[in-house]
Protein backbone atom coordinates (compact mmCIF):
# COMPACT_ATOMS: atom_id res chain seq x y z
CA GLY A 1 72.90 125.73 73.92
CA THR A 2 69.07 125.31 74.41
CA LEU A 3 69.26 125.23 78.47
CA LEU A 4 67.77 127.94 80.23
CA ALA A 5 67.64 128.89 83.74
CA THR A 6 65.45 131.08 85.78
CA GLY A 7 65.25 132.11 89.35
CA SER A 8 62.03 133.31 90.75
CA TYR A 9 60.69 135.22 94.13
CA ASP A 10 58.81 132.19 94.54
CA ARG A 11 61.82 130.43 95.74
CA THR A 12 62.75 128.64 93.16
CA VAL A 13 65.15 127.79 90.33
CA ALA A 14 64.12 126.16 87.13
CA LEU A 15 65.92 124.52 84.03
CA VAL A 16 63.98 124.93 80.64
CA ASP A 17 65.23 123.11 77.75
CA ALA A 18 64.09 125.07 75.08
CA ARG A 19 63.57 122.33 72.56
CA SER A 20 60.96 120.89 74.55
CA GLN A 21 57.81 122.51 76.13
CA GLU A 22 57.22 119.57 78.50
CA ASN A 23 60.73 119.35 80.28
CA ILE A 24 60.87 121.84 83.12
CA LYS A 25 63.15 120.83 86.08
CA LYS A 26 62.59 123.13 89.46
CA VAL A 27 63.96 123.22 92.74
CA LYS A 28 63.37 124.86 96.02
CA ILE A 29 65.77 127.17 97.35
CA PRO A 30 66.18 129.02 100.39
CA GLY A 31 65.28 132.52 99.54
CA ASP A 32 64.01 134.24 96.87
CA CYS A 33 66.64 134.13 93.92
CA GLU A 34 68.50 137.23 93.93
CA ALA A 35 71.22 136.17 90.74
CA LEU A 36 72.06 133.25 88.96
CA ALA A 37 75.02 132.42 87.15
CA TRP A 38 76.83 129.87 84.56
CA ASP A 39 80.11 128.77 85.56
CA PRO A 40 82.27 129.69 82.67
CA PHE A 41 84.94 127.12 83.58
CA ASN A 42 82.36 124.11 83.81
CA PRO A 43 79.63 125.23 82.04
CA GLU A 44 77.40 121.91 83.57
CA TYR A 45 77.26 123.97 86.77
CA LEU A 46 74.50 126.88 87.68
CA THR A 47 75.10 128.75 90.55
CA VAL A 48 72.33 130.59 92.26
CA ALA A 49 72.54 133.80 95.55
CA SER A 50 69.64 134.14 97.50
CA GLU A 51 68.31 137.01 99.83
CA ASP A 52 69.01 134.55 102.76
CA GLY A 53 72.75 135.01 101.80
CA SER A 54 73.31 131.64 100.77
CA LEU A 55 75.24 130.21 97.33
CA THR A 56 74.15 127.35 95.88
CA CYS A 57 75.45 125.37 93.08
CA TRP A 58 73.95 122.46 90.87
CA ASP A 59 75.24 120.49 88.42
CA VAL A 60 72.40 120.73 85.78
CA ARG A 61 73.00 117.06 84.71
CA LYS A 62 71.84 115.90 87.71
CA PHE A 63 69.10 118.54 88.33
CA SER A 64 66.38 116.49 88.82
CA GLU A 65 67.93 114.62 92.00
CA LYS A 66 67.85 117.90 93.66
CA THR A 67 70.74 118.02 95.53
CA PRO A 68 73.48 120.75 95.09
CA LEU A 69 77.12 120.18 94.29
CA TRP A 70 77.57 122.53 97.20
CA SER A 71 76.20 125.40 99.18
CA LEU A 72 77.40 128.19 101.43
CA VAL A 73 76.22 130.73 103.63
CA ALA A 74 78.32 133.88 101.94
CA ASN A 75 76.44 136.44 104.30
CA GLU A 76 74.62 135.55 107.53
CA TYR A 77 73.28 139.20 108.11
CA GLY A 78 71.21 139.85 104.75
CA GLY A 79 71.28 138.70 101.06
CA VAL A 80 73.49 138.22 98.32
CA SER A 81 72.34 140.12 95.44
CA ASP A 82 74.74 139.49 92.86
CA LEU A 83 77.03 136.59 91.63
CA SER A 84 79.85 136.59 88.82
CA PHE A 85 82.81 134.78 87.83
CA ASN A 86 86.31 136.04 86.99
CA ARG A 87 88.12 134.27 84.16
């Protein structure tokens, strides 16, 4: 695909379409981004781990709505530093 996802320490996640420099979409997350991963079973889902201990998943087809599919606190006493899917 041509869609690039980035996470940043300014508490944002961005989607960039490599075919267009103007098509950048961003959402705010509750903490600095520590990791992100595409779901191998649902390639339109992007999950982000943040330093506040939360995991958040978006359907990138609806990313501009800024409403996640789901969010949960995986570690209430610290950050989530990595994220992976198991096939």
